[in-house]
Amino acid sequence: MSKLPVIKGRELVKFLESIGFKVIRTKGSHVRLRSEDGRVTTVPVHGNKDIPKGLLRKIIREDLEMTLEKFSELYSRFKGK
């Protein structure tokens, strides 16, 4: 099993935009994103804090409908830019 990266909220939003999600709403410190195929997620952007591991795992598995390995692969490519 691959190890999850430590990600800040803003960085996750930028990554999700790079894989086809678009920001549809911002309310307070939460950013709502939607993909073309209808997947929706909400990302907390609380200053410069990291996203908790459990929440990141939930976003990846349930909202993005992606395996942790696939996410890690796409994210490492994104960070390599």
Protein backbone atom coordinates (compact mmCIF):
# COMPACT_ATOMS: atom_id res chain seq x y z
CA MET A 1 0.00 0.00 0.00
CA SER A 2 1.34 3.41 -0.92
CA LYS A 3 1.89 6.09 1.69
CA LEU A 4 -0.38 9.12 1.46
CA PRO A 5 1.35 12.46 0.87
CA VAL A 6 0.92 15.38 3.27
CA ILE A 7 -1.11 17.98 1.37
CA LYS A 8 -2.33 21.47 2.19
CA GLY A 9 -5.86 22.47 1.18
CA ARG A 10 -4.83 24.97 -1.53
CA GLU A 11 -2.41 22.47 -3.02
CA LEU A 12 -5.14 19.80 -3.23
CA VAL A 13 -7.47 22.26 -4.97
CA LYS A 14 -4.75 23.03 -7.57
CA PHE A 15 -4.11 19.31 -8.09
CA LEU A 16 -7.82 18.56 -8.54
CA GLU A 17 -8.09 21.40 -11.07
CA SER A 18 -5.18 19.86 -12.99
CA ILE A 19 -7.06 16.56 -13.32
CA GLY A 20 -10.26 18.16 -14.60
CA PHE A 21 -12.21 19.41 -11.58
CA LYS A 22 -13.62 22.95 -11.59
CA VAL A 23 -14.36 25.14 -8.58
CA ILE A 24 -18.12 25.63 -8.42
CA ARG A 25 -18.46 27.35 -5.06
CA THR A 26 -16.48 28.73 -2.14
CA LYS A 27 -18.18 29.19 1.19
CA GLY A 28 -16.02 30.37 4.04
CA SER A 29 -12.88 28.24 4.05
CA HIS A 30 -14.39 25.34 2.05
CA VAL A 31 -14.00 24.95 -1.70
CA ARG A 32 -16.48 22.80 -3.62
CA LEU A 33 -15.27 21.19 -6.85
CA ARG A 34 -17.03 19.19 -9.59
CA SER A 35 -15.67 17.11 -12.46
CA GLU A 36 -17.19 16.74 -15.94
CA ASP A 37 -18.47 13.25 -15.06
CA GLY A 38 -20.37 14.51 -12.01
CA ARG A 39 -18.01 13.64 -9.15
CA VAL A 40 -18.15 16.29 -6.41
CA THR A 41 -15.91 16.99 -3.42
CA THR A 42 -15.39 19.66 -0.79
CA VAL A 43 -11.88 20.63 0.30
CA PRO A 44 -11.20 22.60 3.50
CA VAL A 45 -8.66 25.40 3.03
CA HIS A 46 -7.84 26.35 6.61
CA GLY A 47 -4.92 28.72 6.33
CA ASN A 48 -1.70 26.79 5.89
CA LYS A 49 -2.85 23.60 7.67
CA ASP A 50 -2.44 20.09 6.26
CA ILE A 51 -5.52 18.05 5.38
CA PRO A 52 -5.94 15.27 7.98
CA LYS A 53 -5.04 11.78 6.69
CA GLY A 54 -8.51 10.34 7.32
CA LEU A 55 -10.24 13.14 5.42
CA LEU A 56 -7.77 12.88 2.53
CA ARG A 57 -8.38 9.11 2.35
CA LYS A 58 -12.17 9.72 2.32
CA ILE A 59 -11.87 12.33 -0.44
CA ILE A 60 -9.75 9.98 -2.57
CA ARG A 61 -11.83 6.82 -2.09
CA GLU A 62 -15.39 8.14 -1.92
CA ASP A 63 -15.42 11.51 -3.70
CA LEU A 64 -12.77 10.96 -6.39
CA GLU A 65 -13.64 7.25 -6.71
CA MET A 66 -9.94 6.47 -7.12
CA THR A 67 -7.52 4.02 -5.53
CA LEU A 68 -4.85 5.37 -3.19
CA GLU A 69 -2.15 4.04 -5.56
CA LYS A 70 -3.66 5.83 -8.58
CA PHE A 71 -3.95 9.07 -6.59
CA SER A 72 -0.33 8.83 -5.42
CA GLU A 73 0.83 8.22 -9.00
CA LEU A 74 -1.10 11.21 -10.40
CA TYR A 75 -0.05 13.44 -7.50
CA SER A 76 3.65 12.59 -7.89
CA ARG A 77 3.40 13.46 -11.61
CA PHE A 78 1.70 16.75 -10.65
CA LYS A 79 4.47 17.57 -8.16
CA GLY A 80 7.09 16.78 -10.82
CA LYS A 81 5.87 19.67 -13.01
